[in-house]
N, C-alpha and C. Protein backbone atom coordinates (compact mmCIF):
# COMPACT_ATOMS: atom_id res chain seq x y z
N MET A 1 17.20 -14.13 -14.26
CA MET A 1 17.02 -12.81 -13.61
C MET A 1 15.59 -12.42 -13.64
N PHE A 2 14.84 -12.67 -14.77
CA PHE A 2 13.46 -12.24 -14.86
C PHE A 2 12.56 -13.51 -14.79
N ASP A 3 11.28 -13.28 -14.37
CA ASP A 3 10.38 -14.36 -14.37
C ASP A 3 9.91 -14.73 -15.77
N GLU A 4 9.19 -15.80 -15.86
CA GLU A 4 8.59 -16.20 -17.17
C GLU A 4 7.79 -15.09 -17.77
N PRO A 5 7.79 -15.04 -19.12
CA PRO A 5 7.04 -13.93 -19.85
C PRO A 5 5.55 -13.86 -19.43
N ASN A 6 4.92 -15.02 -19.24
CA ASN A 6 3.53 -14.95 -18.79
C ASN A 6 3.26 -14.34 -17.42
N LYS A 7 4.19 -14.60 -16.55
CA LYS A 7 4.12 -13.97 -15.24
C LYS A 7 4.33 -12.49 -15.33
N LEU A 8 5.27 -12.03 -16.21
CA LEU A 8 5.51 -10.59 -16.33
C LEU A 8 4.25 -9.94 -16.92
N VAL A 9 3.64 -10.52 -17.96
CA VAL A 9 2.46 -10.03 -18.53
C VAL A 9 1.29 -9.92 -17.51
N LEU A 10 1.15 -11.02 -16.73
CA LEU A 10 0.13 -10.97 -15.69
C LEU A 10 0.37 -9.88 -14.73
N GLY A 11 1.63 -9.65 -14.30
CA GLY A 11 1.98 -8.49 -13.46
C GLY A 11 1.69 -7.16 -14.02
N LEU A 12 1.93 -7.06 -15.31
CA LEU A 12 1.66 -5.76 -16.01
C LEU A 12 0.12 -5.52 -16.04
N VAL A 13 -0.58 -6.56 -16.39
CA VAL A 13 -2.11 -6.46 -16.48
C VAL A 13 -2.65 -6.14 -15.16
N THR A 14 -2.25 -6.84 -14.08
CA THR A 14 -2.80 -6.59 -12.76
C THR A 14 -2.37 -5.13 -12.31
N GLY A 15 -1.18 -4.74 -12.61
CA GLY A 15 -0.71 -3.40 -12.27
C GLY A 15 -1.61 -2.37 -12.93
N ILE A 16 -1.87 -2.50 -14.22
CA ILE A 16 -2.71 -1.61 -14.96
C ILE A 16 -4.14 -1.56 -14.30
N LEU A 17 -4.68 -2.71 -14.02
CA LEU A 17 -6.06 -2.78 -13.40
C LEU A 17 -5.98 -2.10 -12.03
N PHE A 18 -4.93 -2.28 -11.25
CA PHE A 18 -4.86 -1.66 -9.94
C PHE A 18 -4.77 -0.07 -10.14
N GLY A 19 -4.03 0.40 -11.07
CA GLY A 19 -3.93 1.80 -11.38
C GLY A 19 -5.26 2.37 -11.82
N ILE A 20 -6.03 1.61 -12.61
CA ILE A 20 -7.34 2.07 -13.02
C ILE A 20 -8.29 2.20 -11.79
N LEU A 21 -8.21 1.16 -10.97
CA LEU A 21 -9.06 1.19 -9.73
C LEU A 21 -8.68 2.39 -8.79
N LEU A 22 -7.33 2.62 -8.67
CA LEU A 22 -6.95 3.75 -7.91
C LEU A 22 -7.48 5.14 -8.44
N GLN A 23 -7.42 5.18 -9.81
CA GLN A 23 -7.89 6.44 -10.48
C GLN A 23 -9.38 6.54 -10.36
N LYS A 24 -10.12 5.49 -10.57
CA LYS A 24 -11.59 5.54 -10.44
C LYS A 24 -12.03 5.79 -9.06
N GLY A 25 -11.23 5.27 -8.06
CA GLY A 25 -11.58 5.52 -6.69
C GLY A 25 -11.14 6.95 -6.26
N GLN A 26 -10.55 7.67 -7.12
CA GLN A 26 -10.11 9.04 -6.91
C GLN A 26 -9.03 9.28 -5.78
N VAL A 27 -8.33 8.19 -5.49
CA VAL A 27 -7.27 8.37 -4.46
C VAL A 27 -5.97 8.77 -5.11
N ALA A 28 -5.94 9.02 -6.43
CA ALA A 28 -4.77 9.52 -7.05
C ALA A 28 -4.86 11.09 -7.01
N LYS A 29 -5.74 11.63 -6.17
CA LYS A 29 -5.88 13.04 -6.10
C LYS A 29 -5.38 13.43 -4.62
N PHE A 30 -4.58 14.47 -4.69
CA PHE A 30 -4.01 15.07 -3.48
C PHE A 30 -5.14 15.39 -2.43
N GLN A 31 -6.21 15.93 -2.92
CA GLN A 31 -7.29 16.34 -2.04
C GLN A 31 -7.90 15.13 -1.27
N LYS A 32 -7.90 13.95 -1.81
CA LYS A 32 -8.45 12.81 -1.16
C LYS A 32 -7.52 12.36 0.01
N ILE A 33 -6.21 12.35 -0.23
CA ILE A 33 -5.29 11.97 0.80
C ILE A 33 -5.28 12.98 1.95
N ILE A 34 -5.27 14.27 1.57
CA ILE A 34 -5.34 15.34 2.61
C ILE A 34 -6.70 15.19 3.38
N GLY A 35 -7.74 14.97 2.69
CA GLY A 35 -9.04 14.75 3.37
C GLY A 35 -9.00 13.64 4.35
N GLN A 36 -8.22 12.55 4.04
CA GLN A 36 -8.06 11.43 4.98
C GLN A 36 -7.32 11.89 6.28
N PHE A 37 -6.24 12.66 6.03
CA PHE A 37 -5.46 13.21 7.18
C PHE A 37 -6.28 14.17 8.04
N LEU A 38 -7.18 14.90 7.40
CA LEU A 38 -8.04 15.84 8.13
C LEU A 38 -9.27 15.20 8.71
N LEU A 39 -9.45 13.88 8.41
CA LEU A 39 -10.61 13.14 8.88
C LEU A 39 -11.93 13.63 8.27
N THR A 40 -11.86 14.17 7.06
CA THR A 40 -13.05 14.68 6.43
C THR A 40 -13.50 13.87 5.25
N ASP A 41 -12.56 12.94 4.74
CA ASP A 41 -12.87 12.13 3.59
C ASP A 41 -12.26 10.74 3.87
N TRP A 42 -13.06 9.71 4.00
CA TRP A 42 -12.51 8.40 4.31
C TRP A 42 -12.39 7.48 3.15
N THR A 43 -12.41 8.06 1.90
CA THR A 43 -12.22 7.20 0.72
C THR A 43 -10.97 6.41 0.74
N ALA A 44 -9.84 7.02 1.09
CA ALA A 44 -8.56 6.37 0.99
C ALA A 44 -8.48 5.19 1.99
N LEU A 45 -9.00 5.38 3.15
CA LEU A 45 -8.95 4.26 4.13
C LEU A 45 -9.86 3.12 3.71
N LYS A 46 -11.06 3.48 3.13
CA LYS A 46 -11.98 2.38 2.64
C LYS A 46 -11.33 1.62 1.52
N ILE A 47 -10.63 2.28 0.59
CA ILE A 47 -9.99 1.60 -0.49
C ILE A 47 -8.86 0.77 -0.01
N MET A 48 -7.98 1.29 0.95
CA MET A 48 -6.88 0.54 1.43
C MET A 48 -7.35 -0.72 2.22
N VAL A 49 -8.38 -0.55 3.07
CA VAL A 49 -8.87 -1.73 3.78
C VAL A 49 -9.34 -2.80 2.83
N THR A 50 -10.10 -2.33 1.82
CA THR A 50 -10.65 -3.31 0.79
C THR A 50 -9.50 -4.03 0.08
N ALA A 51 -8.49 -3.22 -0.39
CA ALA A 51 -7.33 -3.84 -1.11
C ALA A 51 -6.56 -4.85 -0.27
N ILE A 52 -6.37 -4.51 1.04
CA ILE A 52 -5.61 -5.44 1.91
C ILE A 52 -6.40 -6.71 2.07
N ALA A 53 -7.80 -6.62 2.35
CA ALA A 53 -8.59 -7.82 2.59
C ALA A 53 -8.62 -8.65 1.32
N VAL A 54 -8.94 -8.06 0.22
CA VAL A 54 -9.06 -8.81 -1.04
C VAL A 54 -7.70 -9.43 -1.44
N GLY A 55 -6.66 -8.62 -1.32
CA GLY A 55 -5.34 -9.10 -1.66
C GLY A 55 -4.91 -10.28 -0.73
N THR A 56 -5.12 -10.16 0.49
CA THR A 56 -4.68 -11.15 1.50
C THR A 56 -5.47 -12.52 1.22
N PHE A 57 -6.81 -12.36 1.05
CA PHE A 57 -7.58 -13.55 0.76
C PHE A 57 -7.19 -14.12 -0.56
N GLY A 58 -7.06 -13.32 -1.58
CA GLY A 58 -6.72 -13.86 -2.93
C GLY A 58 -5.34 -14.55 -2.96
N VAL A 59 -4.35 -13.93 -2.35
CA VAL A 59 -3.00 -14.59 -2.30
C VAL A 59 -3.08 -15.88 -1.53
N ASN A 60 -3.73 -15.95 -0.41
CA ASN A 60 -3.80 -17.12 0.33
C ASN A 60 -4.62 -18.24 -0.39
N LEU A 61 -5.64 -17.85 -1.20
CA LEU A 61 -6.41 -18.77 -1.94
C LEU A 61 -5.49 -19.37 -3.05
N LEU A 62 -4.73 -18.51 -3.72
CA LEU A 62 -3.75 -19.00 -4.74
C LEU A 62 -2.78 -19.94 -4.14
N ILE A 63 -2.25 -19.65 -2.96
CA ILE A 63 -1.27 -20.49 -2.28
C ILE A 63 -1.92 -21.84 -1.92
N ALA A 64 -3.14 -21.79 -1.38
CA ALA A 64 -3.87 -23.05 -1.05
C ALA A 64 -4.10 -23.92 -2.30
N GLY A 65 -4.29 -23.29 -3.42
CA GLY A 65 -4.50 -24.02 -4.66
C GLY A 65 -3.17 -24.41 -5.33
N GLY A 66 -2.04 -24.13 -4.77
CA GLY A 66 -0.78 -24.41 -5.37
C GLY A 66 -0.40 -23.52 -6.57
N GLU A 67 -1.04 -22.42 -6.72
CA GLU A 67 -0.78 -21.50 -7.87
C GLU A 67 0.19 -20.44 -7.53
N ALA A 68 0.57 -20.28 -6.26
CA ALA A 68 1.54 -19.23 -5.86
C ALA A 68 2.24 -19.66 -4.60
N SER A 69 3.26 -18.97 -4.24
CA SER A 69 4.05 -19.21 -3.05
C SER A 69 4.50 -17.83 -2.45
N LEU A 70 4.64 -17.81 -1.13
CA LEU A 70 5.09 -16.59 -0.54
C LEU A 70 6.64 -16.55 -0.46
N HIS A 71 7.16 -15.39 -0.67
CA HIS A 71 8.61 -15.13 -0.42
C HIS A 71 8.67 -14.08 0.64
N ILE A 72 8.75 -14.50 1.85
CA ILE A 72 8.55 -13.60 3.05
C ILE A 72 9.93 -12.95 3.32
N GLN A 73 9.95 -11.66 3.55
CA GLN A 73 11.17 -10.95 3.97
C GLN A 73 11.24 -11.14 5.53
N THR A 74 12.47 -11.01 6.05
CA THR A 74 12.63 -11.18 7.48
C THR A 74 11.97 -9.98 8.12
N THR A 75 11.50 -10.21 9.39
CA THR A 75 10.90 -9.11 10.13
C THR A 75 11.95 -8.38 10.90
N ALA A 76 12.71 -7.59 10.17
CA ALA A 76 13.79 -6.81 10.73
C ALA A 76 13.31 -5.46 11.25
N LEU A 77 13.36 -5.26 12.49
CA LEU A 77 12.82 -4.08 13.19
C LEU A 77 13.37 -2.80 12.52
N ALA A 78 14.67 -2.75 12.25
CA ALA A 78 15.25 -1.50 11.68
C ALA A 78 14.56 -1.19 10.32
N ARG A 79 14.44 -2.17 9.49
CA ARG A 79 13.85 -1.91 8.18
C ARG A 79 12.38 -1.47 8.30
N VAL A 80 11.68 -2.05 9.23
CA VAL A 80 10.27 -1.65 9.45
C VAL A 80 10.19 -0.20 9.89
N LEU A 81 10.95 0.11 10.92
CA LEU A 81 10.90 1.46 11.53
C LEU A 81 11.38 2.55 10.53
N ILE A 82 12.58 2.31 9.89
CA ILE A 82 13.10 3.25 8.97
C ILE A 82 12.21 3.35 7.73
N GLY A 83 11.78 2.28 7.17
CA GLY A 83 10.93 2.33 6.00
C GLY A 83 9.63 2.96 6.32
N GLY A 84 9.03 2.70 7.44
CA GLY A 84 7.76 3.28 7.90
C GLY A 84 7.93 4.79 8.09
N LEU A 85 9.06 5.23 8.64
CA LEU A 85 9.35 6.67 8.81
C LEU A 85 9.47 7.36 7.53
N PHE A 86 10.24 6.84 6.59
CA PHE A 86 10.35 7.45 5.32
C PHE A 86 9.01 7.45 4.47
N PHE A 87 8.29 6.38 4.54
CA PHE A 87 7.01 6.27 3.90
C PHE A 87 6.09 7.31 4.43
N GLY A 88 6.00 7.39 5.80
CA GLY A 88 5.04 8.37 6.41
C GLY A 88 5.42 9.80 6.19
N VAL A 89 6.69 10.12 6.28
CA VAL A 89 7.11 11.46 6.02
C VAL A 89 6.85 11.85 4.57
N GLY A 90 7.20 10.95 3.65
CA GLY A 90 6.96 11.23 2.20
C GLY A 90 5.52 11.39 1.90
N LEU A 91 4.61 10.59 2.54
CA LEU A 91 3.21 10.63 2.30
C LEU A 91 2.61 12.00 2.79
N VAL A 92 3.16 12.41 4.03
CA VAL A 92 2.61 13.70 4.54
C VAL A 92 3.11 14.91 3.78
N ILE A 93 4.35 14.86 3.28
CA ILE A 93 4.94 16.01 2.53
C ILE A 93 4.33 16.02 1.14
N PHE A 94 4.36 14.89 0.51
CA PHE A 94 4.00 14.79 -0.85
C PHE A 94 2.50 14.74 -1.09
N GLY A 95 1.79 14.12 -0.18
CA GLY A 95 0.31 13.99 -0.34
C GLY A 95 -0.19 12.81 -1.09
N LEU A 96 0.76 11.95 -1.55
CA LEU A 96 0.41 10.74 -2.28
C LEU A 96 1.38 9.67 -1.85
N CYS A 97 0.94 8.46 -1.99
CA CYS A 97 1.84 7.31 -1.61
C CYS A 97 2.35 6.77 -2.92
N PRO A 98 3.28 5.83 -2.92
CA PRO A 98 3.90 5.38 -4.20
C PRO A 98 2.90 4.91 -5.28
N GLY A 99 1.92 4.13 -4.89
CA GLY A 99 0.94 3.69 -5.88
C GLY A 99 0.07 4.78 -6.47
N THR A 100 -0.40 5.64 -5.54
CA THR A 100 -1.25 6.70 -6.02
C THR A 100 -0.52 7.79 -6.79
N SER A 101 0.79 7.98 -6.49
CA SER A 101 1.62 8.99 -7.25
C SER A 101 1.76 8.47 -8.68
N VAL A 102 2.01 7.11 -8.90
CA VAL A 102 2.14 6.66 -10.27
C VAL A 102 0.87 6.79 -11.00
N ALA A 103 -0.27 6.45 -10.34
CA ALA A 103 -1.59 6.61 -10.92
C ALA A 103 -1.82 8.11 -11.26
N ALA A 104 -1.43 9.02 -10.37
CA ALA A 104 -1.58 10.44 -10.71
C ALA A 104 -0.72 10.86 -11.93
N CYS A 105 0.44 10.26 -12.03
CA CYS A 105 1.25 10.47 -13.26
C CYS A 105 0.50 10.05 -14.53
N GLY A 106 -0.16 8.93 -14.39
CA GLY A 106 -0.97 8.42 -15.53
C GLY A 106 -2.09 9.41 -15.90
N GLU A 107 -2.60 10.09 -14.87
CA GLU A 107 -3.60 11.11 -15.13
C GLU A 107 -3.04 12.35 -15.73
N GLY A 108 -1.74 12.48 -15.78
CA GLY A 108 -1.13 13.71 -16.36
C GLY A 108 -0.74 14.71 -15.35
N LYS A 109 -0.80 14.36 -14.09
CA LYS A 109 -0.41 15.36 -13.03
C LYS A 109 1.10 15.51 -12.99
N ARG A 110 1.61 16.69 -13.39
CA ARG A 110 3.06 16.90 -13.42
C ARG A 110 3.65 16.94 -12.01
N ASP A 111 2.97 17.39 -11.05
CA ASP A 111 3.47 17.46 -9.73
C ASP A 111 3.72 16.01 -9.14
N ALA A 112 2.91 15.06 -9.59
CA ALA A 112 3.10 13.67 -9.16
C ALA A 112 4.45 13.17 -9.76
N LEU A 113 4.83 13.59 -10.91
CA LEU A 113 6.05 13.10 -11.55
C LEU A 113 7.27 13.46 -10.67
N VAL A 114 7.19 14.63 -9.96
CA VAL A 114 8.24 14.97 -9.04
C VAL A 114 8.44 13.99 -7.96
N GLY A 115 7.35 13.49 -7.40
CA GLY A 115 7.30 12.48 -6.38
C GLY A 115 7.81 11.15 -6.86
N VAL A 116 7.47 10.79 -8.04
CA VAL A 116 7.91 9.51 -8.63
C VAL A 116 9.43 9.55 -8.85
N ILE A 117 9.91 10.67 -9.37
CA ILE A 117 11.35 10.89 -9.56
C ILE A 117 12.05 10.82 -8.14
N GLY A 118 11.43 11.46 -7.12
CA GLY A 118 11.96 11.40 -5.81
C GLY A 118 12.06 9.96 -5.28
N MET A 119 11.04 9.16 -5.53
CA MET A 119 11.03 7.76 -5.03
C MET A 119 12.17 7.00 -5.70
N LEU A 120 12.33 7.20 -7.03
CA LEU A 120 13.35 6.54 -7.72
C LEU A 120 14.76 6.94 -7.27
N PHE A 121 14.91 8.28 -6.95
CA PHE A 121 16.16 8.79 -6.41
C PHE A 121 16.43 8.23 -5.04
N GLY A 122 15.34 8.14 -4.16
CA GLY A 122 15.50 7.58 -2.86
C GLY A 122 15.88 6.14 -2.88
N ALA A 123 15.22 5.36 -3.76
CA ALA A 123 15.58 3.97 -3.90
C ALA A 123 17.04 3.71 -4.34
N GLY A 124 17.45 4.58 -5.30
CA GLY A 124 18.82 4.47 -5.74
C GLY A 124 19.82 4.88 -4.68
N THR A 125 19.50 5.91 -3.89
CA THR A 125 20.36 6.30 -2.76
C THR A 125 20.39 5.19 -1.77
N TYR A 126 19.35 4.56 -1.48
CA TYR A 126 19.29 3.46 -0.49
C TYR A 126 20.23 2.31 -0.97
N VAL A 127 20.08 1.96 -2.24
CA VAL A 127 21.00 0.93 -2.77
C VAL A 127 22.45 1.31 -2.62
N ALA A 128 22.72 2.62 -2.96
CA ALA A 128 24.17 3.11 -2.96
C ALA A 128 24.75 3.16 -1.58
N VAL A 129 23.92 3.49 -0.49
CA VAL A 129 24.49 3.55 0.89
C VAL A 129 24.13 2.32 1.71
N PHE A 130 23.57 1.27 1.13
CA PHE A 130 23.11 0.10 1.90
C PHE A 130 24.29 -0.46 2.71
N SER A 131 25.49 -0.62 2.11
CA SER A 131 26.56 -1.24 2.79
C SER A 131 26.94 -0.42 3.99
N THR A 132 26.79 0.90 3.98
CA THR A 132 27.08 1.74 5.18
C THR A 132 26.03 1.57 6.21
N LEU A 133 24.79 1.41 5.81
CA LEU A 133 23.64 1.34 6.75
C LEU A 133 23.51 -0.14 7.29
N GLU A 134 24.04 -1.10 6.61
CA GLU A 134 23.80 -2.46 7.02
C GLU A 134 24.17 -2.86 8.42
N PRO A 135 25.36 -2.34 8.98
CA PRO A 135 25.65 -2.63 10.36
C PRO A 135 24.57 -2.14 11.31
N MET A 136 24.13 -0.91 11.07
CA MET A 136 23.09 -0.33 11.97
C MET A 136 21.71 -1.15 11.81
N MET A 137 21.44 -1.51 10.57
CA MET A 137 20.20 -2.35 10.37
C MET A 137 20.33 -3.73 11.09
N ASN A 138 21.52 -4.25 11.07
CA ASN A 138 21.69 -5.58 11.66
C ASN A 138 21.77 -5.49 13.18
N SER A 139 21.99 -4.30 13.75
CA SER A 139 22.13 -4.20 15.17
C SER A 139 20.76 -4.27 15.90
N MET A 140 19.68 -4.06 15.19
CA MET A 140 18.34 -4.16 15.77
C MET A 140 17.78 -5.57 15.63
N ALA A 141 16.72 -5.80 16.35
CA ALA A 141 16.12 -7.13 16.39
C ALA A 141 15.69 -7.63 14.95
N ASP A 142 15.79 -8.90 14.67
CA ASP A 142 15.34 -9.47 13.48
C ASP A 142 14.64 -10.76 13.85
N TYR A 143 13.30 -10.77 13.69
CA TYR A 143 12.51 -11.95 14.07
C TYR A 143 12.39 -13.07 13.07
N GLY A 144 13.11 -12.95 11.97
CA GLY A 144 13.13 -13.94 10.95
C GLY A 144 11.93 -13.85 10.07
N LYS A 145 11.72 -14.90 9.23
CA LYS A 145 10.65 -15.02 8.27
C LYS A 145 9.41 -15.61 8.95
N VAL A 146 8.61 -14.75 9.54
CA VAL A 146 7.43 -15.21 10.27
C VAL A 146 6.22 -14.61 9.74
N THR A 147 5.06 -15.36 9.88
CA THR A 147 3.80 -14.78 9.59
C THR A 147 2.93 -14.91 10.77
N LEU A 148 1.76 -14.19 10.82
CA LEU A 148 0.90 -14.18 11.90
C LEU A 148 0.34 -15.56 12.24
N PRO A 149 -0.12 -16.33 11.23
CA PRO A 149 -0.60 -17.65 11.47
C PRO A 149 0.46 -18.56 12.10
N GLU A 150 1.70 -18.32 11.72
CA GLU A 150 2.78 -19.19 12.36
C GLU A 150 2.98 -18.75 13.81
N VAL A 151 2.92 -17.51 14.12
CA VAL A 151 3.15 -17.01 15.48
C VAL A 151 2.02 -17.39 16.45
N ILE A 152 0.77 -17.21 15.99
CA ILE A 152 -0.35 -17.38 16.83
C ILE A 152 -1.00 -18.82 16.60
N GLY A 153 -0.89 -19.32 15.39
CA GLY A 153 -1.39 -20.62 15.06
C GLY A 153 -2.63 -20.45 14.17
N GLY A 154 -2.97 -21.51 13.46
CA GLY A 154 -4.16 -21.61 12.60
C GLY A 154 -3.78 -21.56 11.16
N ALA A 155 -4.74 -21.90 10.33
CA ALA A 155 -4.49 -22.06 8.91
C ALA A 155 -4.47 -20.65 8.29
N PRO A 156 -3.49 -20.37 7.41
CA PRO A 156 -3.42 -19.06 6.81
C PRO A 156 -4.69 -18.60 6.09
N LEU A 157 -5.31 -19.56 5.38
CA LEU A 157 -6.53 -19.25 4.68
C LEU A 157 -7.70 -18.84 5.53
N LEU A 158 -7.71 -19.47 6.78
CA LEU A 158 -8.79 -19.09 7.79
C LEU A 158 -8.46 -17.68 8.35
N TRP A 159 -7.15 -17.35 8.54
CA TRP A 159 -6.80 -16.00 8.95
C TRP A 159 -7.21 -14.97 7.85
N ALA A 160 -6.99 -15.30 6.67
CA ALA A 160 -7.25 -14.41 5.53
C ALA A 160 -8.79 -14.18 5.43
N LEU A 161 -9.52 -15.28 5.62
CA LEU A 161 -10.96 -15.17 5.59
C LEU A 161 -11.52 -14.39 6.76
N GLY A 162 -10.89 -14.53 7.98
CA GLY A 162 -11.23 -13.78 9.11
C GLY A 162 -10.98 -12.25 8.92
N LEU A 163 -9.81 -11.98 8.31
CA LEU A 163 -9.39 -10.56 8.01
C LEU A 163 -10.42 -9.99 7.06
N ALA A 164 -10.86 -10.74 6.04
CA ALA A 164 -11.88 -10.27 5.06
C ALA A 164 -13.19 -9.98 5.81
N GLY A 165 -13.57 -10.85 6.65
CA GLY A 165 -14.85 -10.60 7.45
C GLY A 165 -14.81 -9.41 8.35
N VAL A 166 -13.71 -9.27 9.09
CA VAL A 166 -13.55 -8.11 9.98
C VAL A 166 -13.44 -6.86 9.14
N SER A 167 -12.76 -6.87 8.01
CA SER A 167 -12.67 -5.68 7.13
C SER A 167 -14.01 -5.28 6.63
N ALA A 168 -14.81 -6.28 6.14
CA ALA A 168 -16.15 -6.02 5.62
C ALA A 168 -16.95 -5.37 6.74
N GLY A 169 -16.93 -5.88 7.92
CA GLY A 169 -17.68 -5.28 9.06
C GLY A 169 -17.21 -3.85 9.31
N ALA A 170 -15.97 -3.62 9.33
CA ALA A 170 -15.42 -2.34 9.59
C ALA A 170 -15.81 -1.26 8.53
N LEU A 171 -15.82 -1.79 7.27
CA LEU A 171 -16.24 -0.93 6.16
C LEU A 171 -17.72 -0.60 6.23
N VAL A 172 -18.56 -1.52 6.69
CA VAL A 172 -19.97 -1.21 6.84
C VAL A 172 -20.16 -0.10 7.92
N VAL A 173 -19.48 -0.29 9.05
CA VAL A 173 -19.54 0.71 10.13
C VAL A 173 -19.03 2.06 9.68
N LEU A 174 -17.84 2.01 8.99
CA LEU A 174 -17.25 3.28 8.50
C LEU A 174 -18.17 3.99 7.50
N GLU A 175 -18.76 3.20 6.62
CA GLU A 175 -19.72 3.80 5.65
C GLU A 175 -20.95 4.45 6.32
N ARG A 176 -21.41 3.79 7.37
CA ARG A 176 -22.55 4.37 8.08
C ARG A 176 -22.16 5.63 8.86
N LEU A 177 -20.94 5.64 9.42
CA LEU A 177 -20.53 6.85 10.16
C LEU A 177 -20.07 7.94 9.22
N HIS A 178 -19.49 7.56 8.06
CA HIS A 178 -18.98 8.59 7.16
C HIS A 178 -19.33 8.17 5.71
N PRO A 179 -20.54 8.46 5.29
CA PRO A 179 -20.93 8.07 3.94
C PRO A 179 -20.01 8.68 2.91
N HIS A 180 -19.88 8.01 1.68
CA HIS A 180 -18.84 8.48 0.78
C HIS A 180 -19.05 9.92 0.39
N ALA A 181 -17.87 10.56 0.13
CA ALA A 181 -17.91 12.07 -0.02
C ALA A 181 -18.47 12.42 -1.36
N LEU A 182 -18.73 13.73 -1.53
CA LEU A 182 -19.16 14.30 -2.76
C LEU A 182 -18.15 14.02 -3.84
N ASP A 183 -18.53 14.25 -5.08
CA ASP A 183 -17.63 14.15 -6.18
C ASP A 183 -16.44 15.10 -5.98
N ALA A 184 -15.22 14.61 -6.26
CA ALA A 184 -14.05 15.47 -6.03
C ALA A 184 -14.06 16.80 -6.76
N SER A 185 -14.74 16.87 -7.90
CA SER A 185 -14.74 18.14 -8.57
C SER A 185 -15.54 19.23 -7.82
N ARG A 186 -16.46 18.84 -6.96
CA ARG A 186 -17.25 19.76 -6.22
C ARG A 186 -16.73 19.91 -4.82
N GLU A 187 -15.82 19.10 -4.39
CA GLU A 187 -15.37 19.07 -3.07
C GLU A 187 -14.18 19.99 -2.92
N LYS A 188 -14.14 20.77 -1.87
CA LYS A 188 -12.93 21.62 -1.60
C LYS A 188 -12.42 21.24 -0.18
N VAL A 189 -11.12 21.07 -0.11
CA VAL A 189 -10.49 20.77 1.17
C VAL A 189 -9.65 21.97 1.54
N ASP A 190 -9.84 22.51 2.75
CA ASP A 190 -9.08 23.58 3.24
C ASP A 190 -7.84 23.06 3.87
N ILE A 191 -6.66 23.38 3.24
CA ILE A 191 -5.40 22.83 3.78
C ILE A 191 -4.63 23.98 4.52
N SER A 192 -5.33 25.08 4.76
CA SER A 192 -4.62 26.20 5.39
C SER A 192 -4.65 26.12 6.94
N ARG A 193 -5.24 25.10 7.49
CA ARG A 193 -5.33 24.92 8.95
C ARG A 193 -4.01 24.72 9.62
């Protein structure tokens, strides 16, 4: 049922490091996420693009070296649409995503705990009603276990390297257009609009 203990410890350590980076990047703060939605603070997007590029390249490097393997979920349209809808609505209402809300809990933010409890409740509810939802989920298109390199062609590691390059270029442009914001303790975001 569980992975080997060394894999679990590695997951715990990388999770803690990720939480520290989220906290140090200040994206565990409601104001940073709202600032992103208001297009006044681009910190969250910069961190997200960096995490996607580094993660994609790192995972593909591990796979190429035989140290990891992918376990791809099927590209089921219903799961993508419904999951995206719930994620987006939750992010807009709560002001934090799942990762940043756990990091905010680690900072001692009690309001973030409400969101984490809500996520656990939502996950439990989904499991409880899955058998009822399954026919609807299966009625929409399912493209199978596919990846972009399989669909378009090319080596996965080259795709990951290309994504890292494009991401780095986009971050340079974004930083020139929107230099990093002031310290969050001095920054005020007006959410009354």
